[in-house]
Protein backbone atom coordinates (compact mmCIF):
# COMPACT_ATOMS: atom_id res chain seq x y z
CA UNK A 1 19.74 368.11 42.13
CA UNK A 2 19.01 364.58 43.33
CA UNK A 3 19.26 361.78 40.86
CA UNK A 4 17.03 358.82 41.14
CA UNK A 5 17.88 355.56 39.43
CA UNK A 6 14.89 353.53 38.33
CA UNK A 7 15.36 350.02 36.85
CA UNK A 8 12.51 348.64 34.74
CA UNK A 9 12.53 345.15 33.46
CA UNK A 10 10.52 344.70 30.27
CA UNK A 11 10.26 342.05 27.67
CA UNK A 12 11.26 344.03 24.56
CA UNK A 13 14.33 344.87 22.51
CA UNK A 14 16.34 348.13 22.82
CA UNK A 15 14.84 349.73 19.74
CA UNK A 16 11.31 349.18 20.98
CA UNK A 17 12.26 350.40 24.38
CA UNK A 18 13.82 353.52 23.08
CA UNK A 19 10.74 354.21 21.03
CA UNK A 20 8.48 353.70 24.15
CA UNK A 21 10.71 356.03 26.23
CA UNK A 22 10.90 358.59 23.37
CA UNK A 23 14.67 358.35 23.05
CA UNK A 24 16.04 359.03 19.65
CA UNK A 25 18.95 357.13 18.27
CA UNK A 26 21.12 360.26 18.32
CA UNK A 27 21.05 360.45 22.15
CA UNK A 28 23.94 358.57 23.59
CA UNK A 29 22.82 358.51 27.22
CA UNK A 30 19.61 358.08 29.04
CA UNK A 31 19.30 360.40 32.07
CA UNK A 32 16.52 358.55 33.75
CA UNK A 33 16.15 354.81 33.74
CA UNK A 34 13.01 353.38 35.10
CA UNK A 35 13.23 349.94 36.84
CA UNK A 36 9.87 348.22 36.72
CA UNK A 37 9.34 345.31 39.21
CA UNK A 38 6.28 343.11 38.80
CA UNK A 39 3.77 343.44 41.64
CA UNK A 40 3.98 340.70 44.23
CA UNK A 41 0.94 338.62 44.97
CA UNK A 42 -0.70 339.49 48.33
CA UNK A 43 0.27 337.19 51.12
CA UNK A 44 -2.67 335.91 53.25
CA UNK A 45 -1.57 334.86 56.72
CA UNK A 46 -3.53 332.02 58.39
CA UNK A 47 -5.63 333.14 61.30
CA UNK A 48 -4.22 331.47 64.42
CA UNK A 49 -6.98 330.04 66.66
CA UNK A 50 -6.68 330.88 70.37
CA UNK A 51 -7.64 328.63 73.31
CA UNK A 52 -8.39 329.96 76.78
CA UNK A 53 -9.20 328.43 80.17
CA UNK A 54 -12.71 329.42 81.14
CA UNK A 55 -11.77 329.69 84.84
CA UNK A 56 -8.46 331.64 84.90
CA UNK A 57 -8.41 333.01 81.27
CA UNK A 58 -4.97 331.57 80.60
CA UNK A 59 -4.11 331.18 76.88
CA UNK A 60 -3.03 327.91 75.25
CA UNK A 61 -2.03 326.86 71.75
CA UNK A 62 -4.42 323.91 71.54
CA UNK A 63 -7.51 322.43 73.13
CA UNK A 64 -5.39 319.54 74.44
CA UNK A 65 -3.34 322.06 76.43
CA UNK A 66 -6.53 323.51 77.93
CA UNK A 67 -7.81 320.06 78.85
CA UNK A 68 -4.55 319.21 80.55
CA UNK A 69 -4.46 322.51 82.44
CA UNK A 70 -8.08 322.05 83.76
CA UNK A 71 -6.87 319.17 85.93
CA UNK A 72 -4.74 321.59 87.99
CA UNK A 73 -6.39 324.98 87.56
CA UNK A 74 -6.65 326.63 90.99
CA UNK A 75 -9.52 328.89 89.91
CA UNK A 76 -11.79 325.99 88.88
CA UNK A 77 -12.92 325.17 92.45
CA UNK A 78 -13.60 328.85 93.33
CA UNK A 79 -15.78 329.48 90.30
CA UNK A 80 -17.77 326.23 90.92
CA UNK A 81 -18.51 327.39 94.53
CA UNK A 82 -19.59 330.78 93.26
CA UNK A 83 -22.00 329.12 90.81
CA UNK A 84 -23.49 326.95 93.56
CA UNK A 85 -23.96 329.94 95.93
CA UNK A 86 -25.85 331.95 93.20
CA UNK A 87 -28.21 329.13 92.54
CA UNK A 88 -31.72 330.05 93.92
CA UNK A 89 -33.08 327.79 96.56
CA UNK A 90 -35.96 325.55 95.42
CA UNK A 91 -36.86 324.40 98.93
CA UNK A 92 -40.55 324.80 99.87
CA UNK A 93 -41.27 326.67 96.67
CA UNK A 94 -43.78 325.79 94.02
CA UNK A 95 -45.02 327.75 91.04
CA UNK A 96 -48.09 326.52 89.32
CA UNK A 97 -47.59 325.75 85.64
CA UNK A 98 -48.75 328.50 83.39
CA UNK A 99 -50.99 328.23 80.38
CA UNK A 100 -48.72 328.49 77.31
CA UNK A 101 -51.56 329.81 75.26
CA UNK A 102 -51.94 332.95 77.41
CA UNK A 103 -49.60 335.64 76.14
CA UNK A 104 -49.15 337.44 79.51
CA UNK A 105 -48.21 334.97 82.22
CA UNK A 106 -48.10 337.56 84.96
CA UNK A 107 -51.73 338.48 84.45
CA UNK A 108 -52.75 334.86 84.59
CA UNK A 109 -50.76 334.39 87.95
CA UNK A 110 -52.52 337.45 89.39
CA UNK A 111 -55.88 336.16 88.27
CA UNK A 112 -55.27 332.84 89.99
CA UNK A 113 -54.32 334.61 93.28
CA UNK A 114 -57.47 336.72 93.16
CA UNK A 115 -59.66 333.66 92.51
CA UNK A 116 -58.08 331.80 95.50
CA UNK A 117 -58.75 334.78 97.78
CA UNK A 118 -62.35 335.00 96.61
CA UNK A 119 -62.90 331.32 97.40
CA UNK A 120 -61.46 331.76 100.89
CA UNK A 121 -63.64 334.78 101.53
CA UNK A 122 -66.74 332.86 100.33
CA UNK A 123 -65.93 329.95 102.71
CA UNK A 124 -65.69 332.40 105.64
CA UNK A 125 -69.12 333.91 104.85
CA UNK A 126 -70.73 330.44 104.77
CA UNK A 127 -69.70 329.67 108.33
CA UNK A 128 -72.85 329.82 110.42
CA UNK A 129 -72.57 331.61 113.70
CA UNK A 130 -75.25 330.47 116.01
CA UNK A 131 -76.62 333.18 118.31
CA UNK A 132 -76.09 332.55 122.00
CA UNK A 133 -78.93 330.67 123.65
CA UNK A 134 -81.06 332.73 126.00
CA UNK A 135 -80.12 332.16 129.60
CA UNK A 136 -82.79 330.39 131.55
CA UNK A 137 -84.10 332.11 134.67
CA UNK A 138 -85.31 330.09 137.63
CA UNK A 139 -88.67 331.12 139.04
CA UNK A 140 -89.27 329.67 142.53
CA UNK A 141 -92.57 327.67 142.94
CA UNK A 142 -95.52 329.36 144.47
CA UNK A 143 -97.01 328.28 147.83
CA UNK A 144 -99.86 326.54 146.03
CA UNK A 145 -97.40 324.50 143.87
CA UNK A 146 -95.46 323.40 146.95
CA UNK A 147 -98.73 322.48 148.77
CA UNK A 148 -99.88 320.33 145.83
CA UNK A 149 -96.48 318.52 145.77
CA UNK A 150 -96.46 317.65 149.45
CA UNK A 151 -100.15 316.55 149.46
CA UNK A 152 -99.61 314.30 146.53
CA UNK A 153 -96.66 312.62 148.26
CA UNK A 154 -98.71 312.06 151.44
CA UNK A 155 -101.61 310.49 149.39
CA UNK A 156 -99.20 308.20 147.52
CA UNK A 157 -97.33 307.14 150.69
CA UNK A 158 -99.80 306.95 153.59
CA UNK A 159 -97.56 304.59 155.49
CA UNK A 160 -94.20 306.28 155.36
CA UNK A 161 -91.93 308.98 156.85
CA UNK A 162 -91.64 312.20 154.86
CA UNK A 163 -88.61 314.36 155.49
CA UNK A 164 -88.52 318.05 154.39
CA UNK A 165 -84.76 317.78 153.88
CA UNK A 166 -85.22 315.00 151.26
CA UNK A 167 -87.81 317.01 149.32
CA UNK A 168 -85.57 320.06 149.39
CA UNK A 169 -82.47 318.12 148.28
CA UNK A 170 -84.25 316.42 145.38
CA UNK A 171 -85.72 319.67 144.14
CA UNK A 172 -82.40 321.53 144.50
CA UNK A 173 -80.53 319.04 142.32
CA UNK A 174 -82.97 319.25 139.45
CA UNK A 175 -83.00 323.09 139.62
CA UNK A 176 -79.15 323.40 139.63
CA UNK A 177 -78.89 320.96 136.77
CA UNK A 178 -81.25 322.92 134.56
CA UNK A 179 -80.52 326.52 135.65
CA UNK A 180 -77.06 326.43 137.08
CA UNK A 181 -75.68 327.41 140.44
CA UNK A 182 -77.05 331.01 139.96
CA UNK A 183 -80.45 329.65 141.08
CA UNK A 184 -79.09 328.46 144.38
CA UNK A 185 -79.91 331.65 146.27
CA UNK A 186 -83.59 331.35 145.19
CA UNK A 187 -83.88 327.94 146.95
CA UNK A 188 -83.05 329.18 150.43
CA UNK A 189 -86.72 329.35 151.59
CA UNK A 190 -87.88 326.18 149.83
CA UNK A 191 -87.43 323.75 152.76
CA UNK A 192 -89.10 326.12 155.23
CA UNK A 193 -92.23 326.30 152.98
CA UNK A 194 -92.29 322.52 152.70
CA UNK A 195 -92.10 322.25 156.51
CA UNK A 196 -95.06 324.63 156.88
CA UNK A 197 -97.22 322.34 154.66
CA UNK A 198 -96.15 319.22 156.61
CA UNK A 199 -97.19 320.85 159.90
CA UNK A 200 -100.62 321.72 158.56
CA UNK A 201 -101.10 318.07 157.44
CA UNK A 202 -100.09 316.85 160.93
CA UNK A 203 -102.70 319.11 162.56
CA UNK A 204 -105.33 318.09 160.01
CA UNK A 205 -104.83 314.28 160.36
CA UNK A 206 -104.10 314.30 164.06
CA UNK A 207 -102.14 311.95 166.24
CA UNK A 208 -104.28 308.98 165.30
CA UNK A 209 -102.84 309.02 161.81
CA UNK A 210 -99.41 310.77 161.96
CA UNK A 211 -96.73 312.25 164.24
CA UNK A 212 -94.58 315.28 163.38
CA UNK A 213 -91.24 316.39 164.80
CA UNK A 214 -88.71 319.15 164.10
CA UNK A 215 -85.18 318.10 163.21
CA UNK A 216 -82.08 320.23 163.65
CA UNK A 217 -83.81 323.59 163.44
CA UNK A 218 -87.02 325.21 162.46
CA UNK A 219 -86.68 324.50 158.67
CA UNK A 220 -86.23 320.68 158.93
CA UNK A 221 -89.23 318.55 159.72
CA UNK A 222 -90.27 314.96 159.56
CA UNK A 223 -93.80 313.53 159.39
CA UNK A 224 -94.44 309.88 160.21
CA UNK A 225 -97.63 308.65 158.55
CA UNK A 226 -99.63 305.64 159.63
CA UNK A 227 -102.94 306.57 158.07
CA UNK A 228 -105.70 303.95 158.13
CA UNK A 229 -107.22 304.56 154.73
CA UNK A 230 -110.14 302.37 155.58
CA UNK A 231 -111.23 304.83 158.24
CA UNK A 232 -110.32 308.10 156.58
CA UNK A 233 -110.51 309.57 153.08
CA UNK A 234 -107.30 311.46 152.44
CA UNK A 235 -108.74 313.39 149.49
CA UNK A 236 -111.41 314.88 151.63
CA UNK A 237 -109.23 315.25 154.69
CA UNK A 238 -106.50 317.22 152.94
CA UNK A 239 -108.74 319.65 151.03
CA UNK A 240 -108.42 322.23 153.74
CA UNK A 241 -104.63 322.16 154.00
């Protein structure tokens, strides 16, 4: 059998203690003695505040220690470079300010893009595209038109020399300027037709009023006029040309 000794400290005399423990006065010994110890008050330990370096996570006892360590912390420069590298570039970027009263900013941004595209499309539709101008086609003059031209020149210049080459060159320049070089081939017979009219005028007026001579080929011809308008009426004389 194991015996346990218990000591209890109480503020009472022996008689009262024996009565509480149920011991009669006839009993000479007490087999069990209870030792009562008053309960200790709970001990509350102070919470120790911890201080850490934000770059290398090293622990210190005070903020002063952290501040002193930051001057030499080797991780401080590495973390700063990492922060700079992660910073988004703002070069050539612009975001229009959003309306703070619109609950969904993404919808407002999409609406702005659609409106800008609609304005661009509208400007494109307003551009006027002029249809190409119809190309002019040169129609060579008729024999009657050439005859009227040469006769008019003779009437206006009865004392002159008329060259078929000059008439052809003048007419060719005006035609090329208006119709382009494509009309050049249609002018090949122009000088020969002018020469034919000049020869007819020479025969009609005779040697008393003009002299004709071919120059450098059959198409070139010159007519020297010395018409005496007091003796001849050119309007009547040239009607049969």
